[in-house]
Amino acid sequence: MAVGTDVLAQRLIDGAEREIAAEEDEFARESYRERAAASARRTARSSILEKILADLKEKLDAAVADIRRQLEEDLEDLYAGEEGSGPSSGIDPGEAPYEVDYTLPMSERYAEVKAYYLAYEDKEEALADYREDKIAEDYLGVYYNYLLQLLMTQV
């Protein structure tokens, strides 16, 4: 994997994180405005406000999902031309609790490892195990950090 590719991938991830933060900030501002307006109308405890806030949350969730989907597509495009490489020295892929196949494209590797860790019922345990998973770090490259961020949002 080329160093330049890792730098570009990290820029994509950082950009997506900034976009998500901006969407969350906008959600917070709009929620505040709606609560203030409802309070002024003396309808702060009404189902109308609950519906408005639920719609705002749904809008936020959709925007974040779109940003993540776009990031995954961008990362897939970035790594599409790269050949699968083998494990680094000292890494035994046979010890992984999930299937490890270095010939797969990065997006498929990511999907396999992501599915394994998201299947944990205890998300804190999943995060701790993932942080100790040197095979995943080697196997996923820069995708490792993206999945780490995703798992951190689950805790």
N, C-alpha and C. Protein backbone atom coordinates (compact mmCIF):
# COMPACT_ATOMS: atom_id res chain seq x y z
N MET A 1 0.85 -1.17 0.00
CA MET A 1 0.00 0.00 0.00
C MET A 1 0.90 1.23 0.00
N ALA A 2 0.62 2.13 -0.87
CA ALA A 2 1.44 3.33 -1.00
C ALA A 2 1.14 4.29 0.15
N VAL A 3 2.19 4.97 0.59
CA VAL A 3 2.02 5.94 1.68
C VAL A 3 1.05 7.04 1.25
N GLY A 4 1.14 7.46 -0.02
CA GLY A 4 0.24 8.50 -0.52
C GLY A 4 -1.21 8.10 -0.42
N THR A 5 -1.49 6.82 -0.63
CA THR A 5 -2.86 6.33 -0.54
C THR A 5 -3.37 6.46 0.89
N ASP A 6 -2.52 6.12 1.87
CA ASP A 6 -2.93 6.25 3.26
C ASP A 6 -3.23 7.70 3.62
N VAL A 7 -2.42 8.61 3.13
CA VAL A 7 -2.63 10.04 3.40
C VAL A 7 -3.95 10.50 2.79
N LEU A 8 -4.20 10.10 1.55
CA LEU A 8 -5.46 10.47 0.90
C LEU A 8 -6.65 9.87 1.63
N ALA A 9 -6.52 8.62 2.03
CA ALA A 9 -7.61 7.98 2.75
C ALA A 9 -7.89 8.70 4.07
N GLN A 10 -6.85 9.08 4.78
CA GLN A 10 -7.04 9.79 6.05
C GLN A 10 -7.70 11.14 5.81
N ARG A 11 -7.36 11.80 4.71
CA ARG A 11 -8.01 13.07 4.38
C ARG A 11 -9.50 12.86 4.11
N LEU A 12 -9.83 11.78 3.42
CA LEU A 12 -11.24 11.47 3.17
C LEU A 12 -11.98 11.24 4.49
N ILE A 13 -11.36 10.48 5.37
CA ILE A 13 -11.97 10.19 6.67
C ILE A 13 -12.14 11.47 7.48
N ASP A 14 -11.08 12.29 7.51
CA ASP A 14 -11.16 13.55 8.25
C ASP A 14 -12.25 14.46 7.69
N GLY A 15 -12.35 14.52 6.37
CA GLY A 15 -13.39 15.33 5.73
C GLY A 15 -14.78 14.85 6.10
N ALA A 16 -14.97 13.54 6.09
CA ALA A 16 -16.27 12.98 6.46
C ALA A 16 -16.60 13.28 7.92
N GLU A 17 -15.60 13.18 8.78
CA GLU A 17 -15.83 13.49 10.19
C GLU A 17 -16.22 14.95 10.38
N ARG A 18 -15.60 15.85 9.61
CA ARG A 18 -15.97 17.28 9.69
C ARG A 18 -17.41 17.49 9.21
N GLU A 19 -17.78 16.81 8.13
CA GLU A 19 -19.14 16.93 7.62
C GLU A 19 -20.16 16.43 8.63
N ILE A 20 -19.85 15.31 9.27
CA ILE A 20 -20.76 14.76 10.28
C ILE A 20 -20.87 15.74 11.46
N ALA A 21 -19.76 16.29 11.89
CA ALA A 21 -19.79 17.27 12.99
C ALA A 21 -20.62 18.48 12.62
N ALA A 22 -20.51 18.94 11.38
CA ALA A 22 -21.31 20.09 10.92
C ALA A 22 -22.79 19.74 10.92
N GLU A 23 -23.14 18.54 10.48
CA GLU A 23 -24.54 18.12 10.50
C GLU A 23 -25.07 18.04 11.93
N GLU A 24 -24.25 17.53 12.85
CA GLU A 24 -24.66 17.44 14.25
C GLU A 24 -24.83 18.82 14.87
N ASP A 25 -23.94 19.75 14.51
CA ASP A 25 -24.07 21.13 15.00
C ASP A 25 -25.36 21.77 14.49
N GLU A 26 -25.65 21.55 13.22
CA GLU A 26 -26.88 22.10 12.64
C GLU A 26 -28.11 21.50 13.32
N PHE A 27 -28.08 20.20 13.59
CA PHE A 27 -29.17 19.53 14.30
C PHE A 27 -29.37 20.18 15.68
N ALA A 28 -28.27 20.41 16.39
CA ALA A 28 -28.35 21.02 17.72
C ALA A 28 -28.95 22.42 17.65
N ARG A 29 -28.53 23.20 16.65
CA ARG A 29 -29.07 24.57 16.49
C ARG A 29 -30.57 24.52 16.17
N GLU A 30 -30.95 23.68 15.22
CA GLU A 30 -32.36 23.60 14.84
C GLU A 30 -33.21 23.09 15.99
N SER A 31 -32.70 22.11 16.74
CA SER A 31 -33.45 21.59 17.90
C SER A 31 -33.65 22.68 18.94
N TYR A 32 -32.60 23.45 19.19
CA TYR A 32 -32.69 24.55 20.15
C TYR A 32 -33.74 25.56 19.70
N ARG A 33 -33.69 25.93 18.40
CA ARG A 33 -34.66 26.90 17.87
C ARG A 33 -36.08 26.40 18.03
N GLU A 34 -36.30 25.14 17.71
CA GLU A 34 -37.66 24.58 17.81
C GLU A 34 -38.13 24.51 19.26
N ARG A 35 -37.22 24.15 20.18
CA ARG A 35 -37.59 24.11 21.59
C ARG A 35 -37.92 25.51 22.11
N ALA A 36 -37.12 26.49 21.71
CA ALA A 36 -37.36 27.87 22.13
C ALA A 36 -38.69 28.37 21.58
N ALA A 37 -38.95 28.07 20.32
CA ALA A 37 -40.22 28.50 19.71
C ALA A 37 -41.40 27.82 20.40
N ALA A 38 -41.26 26.54 20.70
CA ALA A 38 -42.33 25.81 21.38
C ALA A 38 -42.55 26.37 22.78
N SER A 39 -41.48 26.72 23.43
CA SER A 39 -41.59 27.30 24.77
C SER A 39 -42.33 28.64 24.71
N ALA A 40 -41.99 29.44 23.71
CA ALA A 40 -42.65 30.74 23.55
C ALA A 40 -44.14 30.56 23.26
N ARG A 41 -44.48 29.50 22.55
CA ARG A 41 -45.88 29.22 22.23
C ARG A 41 -46.58 28.43 23.34
N ARG A 42 -45.81 28.09 24.38
CA ARG A 42 -46.31 27.28 25.49
C ARG A 42 -46.76 25.89 25.02
N THR A 43 -45.99 25.35 24.07
CA THR A 43 -46.28 24.01 23.57
C THR A 43 -45.04 23.11 23.70
N ALA A 44 -44.19 23.43 24.67
CA ALA A 44 -42.94 22.69 24.82
C ALA A 44 -43.14 21.23 25.17
N ARG A 45 -44.27 20.89 25.74
CA ARG A 45 -44.53 19.50 26.12
C ARG A 45 -45.52 18.82 25.18
N SER A 46 -45.68 19.38 24.01
CA SER A 46 -46.69 18.85 23.10
C SER A 46 -46.10 17.77 22.18
N SER A 47 -47.00 17.00 21.62
CA SER A 47 -46.57 15.97 20.66
C SER A 47 -46.10 16.62 19.36
N ILE A 48 -46.51 17.84 19.12
CA ILE A 48 -46.06 18.55 17.91
C ILE A 48 -44.55 18.76 17.98
N LEU A 49 -44.07 19.22 19.12
CA LEU A 49 -42.63 19.42 19.29
C LEU A 49 -41.89 18.09 19.18
N GLU A 50 -42.44 17.05 19.80
CA GLU A 50 -41.81 15.73 19.72
C GLU A 50 -41.70 15.28 18.26
N LYS A 51 -42.71 15.53 17.47
CA LYS A 51 -42.70 15.15 16.06
C LYS A 51 -41.66 15.96 15.30
N ILE A 52 -41.59 17.25 15.57
CA ILE A 52 -40.60 18.11 14.90
C ILE A 52 -39.18 17.64 15.23
N LEU A 53 -38.93 17.35 16.51
CA LEU A 53 -37.60 16.90 16.92
C LEU A 53 -37.27 15.52 16.33
N ALA A 54 -38.26 14.66 16.26
CA ALA A 54 -38.04 13.34 15.65
C ALA A 54 -37.71 13.48 14.17
N ASP A 55 -38.39 14.41 13.50
CA ASP A 55 -38.09 14.65 12.08
C ASP A 55 -36.68 15.20 11.90
N LEU A 56 -36.28 16.11 12.79
CA LEU A 56 -34.91 16.65 12.72
C LEU A 56 -33.88 15.54 12.95
N LYS A 57 -34.15 14.65 13.90
CA LYS A 57 -33.23 13.54 14.18
C LYS A 57 -33.16 12.59 12.99
N GLU A 58 -34.30 12.34 12.39
CA GLU A 58 -34.34 11.47 11.20
C GLU A 58 -33.54 12.10 10.05
N LYS A 59 -33.66 13.40 9.91
CA LYS A 59 -32.90 14.13 8.88
C LYS A 59 -31.40 14.02 9.16
N LEU A 60 -31.01 14.17 10.43
CA LEU A 60 -29.60 14.04 10.81
C LEU A 60 -29.09 12.63 10.52
N ASP A 61 -29.85 11.64 10.94
CA ASP A 61 -29.43 10.25 10.72
C ASP A 61 -29.25 9.94 9.24
N ALA A 62 -30.15 10.45 8.41
CA ALA A 62 -30.05 10.23 6.96
C ALA A 62 -28.81 10.93 6.39
N ALA A 63 -28.55 12.14 6.84
CA ALA A 63 -27.38 12.88 6.36
C ALA A 63 -26.09 12.17 6.75
N VAL A 64 -26.02 11.69 8.00
CA VAL A 64 -24.83 10.97 8.46
C VAL A 64 -24.66 9.67 7.68
N ALA A 65 -25.74 8.97 7.45
CA ALA A 65 -25.67 7.73 6.67
C ALA A 65 -25.17 8.01 5.25
N ASP A 66 -25.64 9.09 4.66
CA ASP A 66 -25.17 9.46 3.32
C ASP A 66 -23.68 9.79 3.31
N ILE A 67 -23.23 10.51 4.31
CA ILE A 67 -21.81 10.86 4.40
C ILE A 67 -20.97 9.60 4.56
N ARG A 68 -21.40 8.69 5.41
CA ARG A 68 -20.65 7.43 5.61
C ARG A 68 -20.66 6.59 4.34
N ARG A 69 -21.79 6.53 3.68
CA ARG A 69 -21.88 5.75 2.43
C ARG A 69 -20.95 6.34 1.38
N GLN A 70 -20.93 7.65 1.28
CA GLN A 70 -20.04 8.31 0.32
C GLN A 70 -18.58 8.06 0.67
N LEU A 71 -18.26 8.11 1.95
CA LEU A 71 -16.89 7.84 2.38
C LEU A 71 -16.49 6.41 2.01
N GLU A 72 -17.36 5.46 2.27
CA GLU A 72 -17.04 4.08 1.92
C GLU A 72 -16.82 3.93 0.41
N GLU A 73 -17.64 4.59 -0.38
CA GLU A 73 -17.46 4.54 -1.84
C GLU A 73 -16.14 5.18 -2.25
N ASP A 74 -15.82 6.33 -1.63
CA ASP A 74 -14.56 7.01 -1.95
C ASP A 74 -13.36 6.17 -1.57
N LEU A 75 -13.43 5.53 -0.40
CA LEU A 75 -12.32 4.68 0.02
C LEU A 75 -12.19 3.46 -0.89
N GLU A 76 -13.33 2.91 -1.27
CA GLU A 76 -13.30 1.77 -2.19
C GLU A 76 -12.66 2.17 -3.51
N ASP A 77 -13.03 3.33 -4.05
CA ASP A 77 -12.43 3.82 -5.29
C ASP A 77 -10.93 4.04 -5.12
N LEU A 78 -10.55 4.58 -3.98
CA LEU A 78 -9.14 4.86 -3.72
C LEU A 78 -8.31 3.59 -3.72
N TYR A 79 -8.85 2.54 -3.12
CA TYR A 79 -8.10 1.29 -3.01
C TYR A 79 -8.36 0.32 -4.16
N ALA A 80 -9.25 0.67 -5.07
CA ALA A 80 -9.63 -0.25 -6.14
C ALA A 80 -8.45 -0.72 -6.97
N GLY A 81 -7.51 0.15 -7.23
CA GLY A 81 -6.39 -0.21 -8.09
C GLY A 81 -5.27 -0.93 -7.39
N GLU A 82 -5.35 -1.08 -6.09
CA GLU A 82 -4.25 -1.70 -5.36
C GLU A 82 -4.40 -3.21 -5.31
N GLU A 83 -3.29 -3.88 -5.46
CA GLU A 83 -3.26 -5.33 -5.34
C GLU A 83 -3.32 -5.68 -3.86
N GLY A 84 -3.93 -6.82 -3.57
CA GLY A 84 -3.93 -7.30 -2.20
C GLY A 84 -2.52 -7.69 -1.80
N SER A 85 -2.13 -7.31 -0.64
CA SER A 85 -0.80 -7.67 -0.16
C SER A 85 -0.94 -8.68 0.96
N GLY A 86 0.14 -9.36 1.24
CA GLY A 86 0.12 -10.35 2.30
C GLY A 86 0.32 -9.71 3.66
N PRO A 87 0.28 -10.54 4.69
CA PRO A 87 0.45 -10.02 6.04
C PRO A 87 1.86 -9.52 6.28
N SER A 88 1.98 -8.55 7.16
CA SER A 88 3.29 -8.06 7.58
C SER A 88 3.98 -9.13 8.40
N SER A 89 5.27 -8.98 8.56
CA SER A 89 6.00 -9.97 9.35
C SER A 89 5.51 -9.93 10.79
N GLY A 90 5.42 -11.09 11.38
CA GLY A 90 4.94 -11.21 12.75
C GLY A 90 3.44 -11.32 12.87
N ILE A 91 2.72 -11.23 11.77
CA ILE A 91 1.26 -11.33 11.78
C ILE A 91 0.88 -12.72 11.28
N ASP A 92 0.08 -13.44 12.08
CA ASP A 92 -0.42 -14.76 11.67
C ASP A 92 -1.92 -14.64 11.45
N PRO A 93 -2.34 -14.51 10.18
CA PRO A 93 -3.77 -14.33 9.92
C PRO A 93 -4.62 -15.51 10.35
N GLY A 94 -4.01 -16.65 10.57
CA GLY A 94 -4.77 -17.82 11.02
C GLY A 94 -5.30 -17.67 12.43
N GLU A 95 -4.77 -16.72 13.18
CA GLU A 95 -5.23 -16.49 14.55
C GLU A 95 -6.45 -15.56 14.62
N ALA A 96 -6.84 -15.00 13.50
CA ALA A 96 -7.97 -14.06 13.49
C ALA A 96 -9.28 -14.80 13.73
N PRO A 97 -10.21 -14.19 14.47
CA PRO A 97 -11.51 -14.81 14.71
C PRO A 97 -12.48 -14.66 13.52
N TYR A 98 -12.05 -14.02 12.47
CA TYR A 98 -12.83 -13.82 11.25
C TYR A 98 -11.97 -14.28 10.07
N GLU A 99 -12.59 -14.41 8.92
CA GLU A 99 -11.86 -14.87 7.74
C GLU A 99 -10.92 -13.76 7.25
N VAL A 100 -9.67 -14.13 7.00
CA VAL A 100 -8.67 -13.19 6.50
C VAL A 100 -8.22 -13.68 5.13
N ASP A 101 -8.44 -12.85 4.12
CA ASP A 101 -8.04 -13.17 2.75
C ASP A 101 -7.45 -11.91 2.13
N TYR A 102 -6.13 -11.86 2.05
CA TYR A 102 -5.44 -10.67 1.57
C TYR A 102 -5.65 -10.41 0.08
N THR A 103 -6.31 -11.31 -0.62
CA THR A 103 -6.58 -11.08 -2.05
C THR A 103 -7.86 -10.28 -2.26
N LEU A 104 -8.66 -10.14 -1.20
CA LEU A 104 -9.92 -9.40 -1.30
C LEU A 104 -9.66 -7.90 -1.40
N PRO A 105 -10.55 -7.16 -2.05
CA PRO A 105 -10.45 -5.69 -2.04
C PRO A 105 -10.68 -5.18 -0.62
N MET A 106 -10.15 -4.00 -0.36
CA MET A 106 -10.25 -3.42 0.98
C MET A 106 -11.70 -3.32 1.47
N SER A 107 -12.61 -2.97 0.59
CA SER A 107 -14.00 -2.81 1.03
C SER A 107 -14.58 -4.12 1.55
N GLU A 108 -14.21 -5.24 0.94
CA GLU A 108 -14.71 -6.53 1.40
C GLU A 108 -14.03 -6.95 2.70
N ARG A 109 -12.74 -6.64 2.82
CA ARG A 109 -12.03 -6.92 4.07
C ARG A 109 -12.70 -6.15 5.21
N TYR A 110 -12.94 -4.87 4.95
CA TYR A 110 -13.57 -4.00 5.94
C TYR A 110 -14.94 -4.55 6.34
N ALA A 111 -15.73 -4.95 5.36
CA ALA A 111 -17.08 -5.45 5.64
C ALA A 111 -17.02 -6.69 6.52
N GLU A 112 -16.07 -7.57 6.28
CA GLU A 112 -15.94 -8.80 7.06
C GLU A 112 -15.58 -8.50 8.52
N VAL A 113 -14.58 -7.66 8.72
CA VAL A 113 -14.14 -7.34 10.08
C VAL A 113 -15.21 -6.52 10.80
N LYS A 114 -15.83 -5.58 10.09
CA LYS A 114 -16.90 -4.75 10.67
C LYS A 114 -18.05 -5.63 11.15
N ALA A 115 -18.47 -6.58 10.33
CA ALA A 115 -19.58 -7.47 10.70
C ALA A 115 -19.23 -8.26 11.96
N TYR A 116 -18.00 -8.71 12.04
CA TYR A 116 -17.57 -9.48 13.22
C TYR A 116 -17.69 -8.64 14.48
N TYR A 117 -17.13 -7.44 14.47
CA TYR A 117 -17.12 -6.63 15.69
C TYR A 117 -18.48 -6.01 16.00
N LEU A 118 -19.28 -5.70 15.01
CA LEU A 118 -20.61 -5.15 15.29
C LEU A 118 -21.57 -6.22 15.82
N ALA A 119 -21.20 -7.49 15.67
CA ALA A 119 -22.04 -8.57 16.18
C ALA A 119 -21.91 -8.73 17.71
N TYR A 120 -20.90 -8.13 18.31
CA TYR A 120 -20.74 -8.18 19.76
C TYR A 120 -21.96 -7.54 20.42
N GLU A 121 -22.47 -8.15 21.47
CA GLU A 121 -23.55 -7.51 22.21
C GLU A 121 -23.00 -6.39 23.10
N ASP A 122 -21.84 -6.63 23.69
CA ASP A 122 -21.19 -5.64 24.55
C ASP A 122 -20.26 -4.80 23.68
N LYS A 123 -20.69 -3.58 23.36
CA LYS A 123 -19.93 -2.72 22.45
C LYS A 123 -18.61 -2.27 23.06
N GLU A 124 -18.55 -2.12 24.38
CA GLU A 124 -17.28 -1.75 25.01
C GLU A 124 -16.26 -2.87 24.86
N GLU A 125 -16.71 -4.11 24.99
CA GLU A 125 -15.83 -5.25 24.81
C GLU A 125 -15.37 -5.34 23.35
N ALA A 126 -16.27 -5.06 22.43
CA ALA A 126 -15.91 -5.06 21.01
C ALA A 126 -14.82 -4.05 20.73
N LEU A 127 -14.97 -2.85 21.28
CA LEU A 127 -13.97 -1.80 21.09
C LEU A 127 -12.63 -2.20 21.69
N ALA A 128 -12.65 -2.75 22.89
CA ALA A 128 -11.41 -3.17 23.54
C ALA A 128 -10.72 -4.28 22.74
N ASP A 129 -11.49 -5.26 22.30
CA ASP A 129 -10.92 -6.36 21.51
C ASP A 129 -10.36 -5.84 20.19
N TYR A 130 -11.07 -4.93 19.57
CA TYR A 130 -10.63 -4.38 18.29
C TYR A 130 -9.32 -3.62 18.45
N ARG A 131 -9.21 -2.85 19.50
CA ARG A 131 -7.98 -2.08 19.74
C ARG A 131 -6.77 -2.99 19.93
N GLU A 132 -6.99 -4.21 20.40
CA GLU A 132 -5.90 -5.16 20.60
C GLU A 132 -5.67 -6.04 19.37
N ASP A 133 -6.49 -5.92 18.37
CA ASP A 133 -6.44 -6.79 17.19
C ASP A 133 -5.39 -6.30 16.18
N LYS A 134 -4.17 -6.81 16.32
CA LYS A 134 -3.08 -6.42 15.41
C LYS A 134 -3.30 -6.97 14.01
N ILE A 135 -4.01 -8.07 13.91
CA ILE A 135 -4.30 -8.65 12.59
C ILE A 135 -5.21 -7.69 11.82
N ALA A 136 -6.24 -7.17 12.47
CA ALA A 136 -7.15 -6.23 11.81
C ALA A 136 -6.41 -4.97 11.39
N GLU A 137 -5.51 -4.49 12.24
CA GLU A 137 -4.74 -3.29 11.91
C GLU A 137 -3.91 -3.50 10.65
N ASP A 138 -3.29 -4.66 10.54
CA ASP A 138 -2.48 -4.98 9.36
C ASP A 138 -3.38 -5.25 8.15
N TYR A 139 -4.45 -5.98 8.36
CA TYR A 139 -5.34 -6.42 7.29
C TYR A 139 -6.13 -5.27 6.66
N LEU A 140 -6.52 -4.29 7.48
CA LEU A 140 -7.38 -3.21 7.01
C LEU A 140 -6.65 -1.95 6.58
N GLY A 141 -5.42 -1.79 6.99
CA GLY A 141 -4.71 -0.56 6.66
C GLY A 141 -5.44 0.64 7.25
N VAL A 142 -5.65 1.67 6.45
CA VAL A 142 -6.30 2.88 6.93
C VAL A 142 -7.77 2.64 7.28
N TYR A 143 -8.37 1.61 6.73
CA TYR A 143 -9.75 1.27 7.10
C TYR A 143 -9.83 0.93 8.58
N TYR A 144 -8.73 0.50 9.17
CA TYR A 144 -8.70 0.18 10.59
C TYR A 144 -9.18 1.40 11.40
N ASN A 145 -8.65 2.57 11.08
CA ASN A 145 -9.02 3.78 11.81
C ASN A 145 -10.48 4.13 11.61
N TYR A 146 -10.99 3.91 10.40
CA TYR A 146 -12.39 4.22 10.14
C TYR A 146 -13.29 3.32 10.97
N LEU A 147 -12.97 2.03 11.03
CA LEU A 147 -13.78 1.11 11.83
C LEU A 147 -13.63 1.43 13.32
N LEU A 148 -12.44 1.84 13.72
CA LEU A 148 -12.24 2.25 15.11
C LEU A 148 -13.17 3.41 15.47
N GLN A 149 -13.24 4.39 14.59
CA GLN A 149 -14.14 5.53 14.83
C GLN A 149 -15.59 5.07 14.92
N LEU A 150 -15.97 4.16 14.05
CA LEU A 150 -17.35 3.65 14.06
C LEU A 150 -17.63 2.94 15.39
N LEU A 151 -16.72 2.09 15.82
CA LEU A 151 -16.92 1.36 17.08
C LEU A 151 -16.97 2.32 18.27
N MET A 152 -16.18 3.37 18.22
CA MET A 152 -16.19 4.34 19.32
C MET A 152 -17.54 5.05 19.41
N THR A 153 -18.21 5.23 18.29
CA THR A 153 -19.53 5.87 18.32
C THR A 153 -20.60 4.93 18.87
N GLN A 154 -20.31 3.63 18.91
CA GLN A 154 -21.26 2.64 19.39
C GLN A 154 -21.24 2.52 20.93
N VAL A 155 -20.16 2.98 21.55
CA VAL A 155 -20.00 2.83 23.01
C VAL A 155 -20.74 3.93 23.72
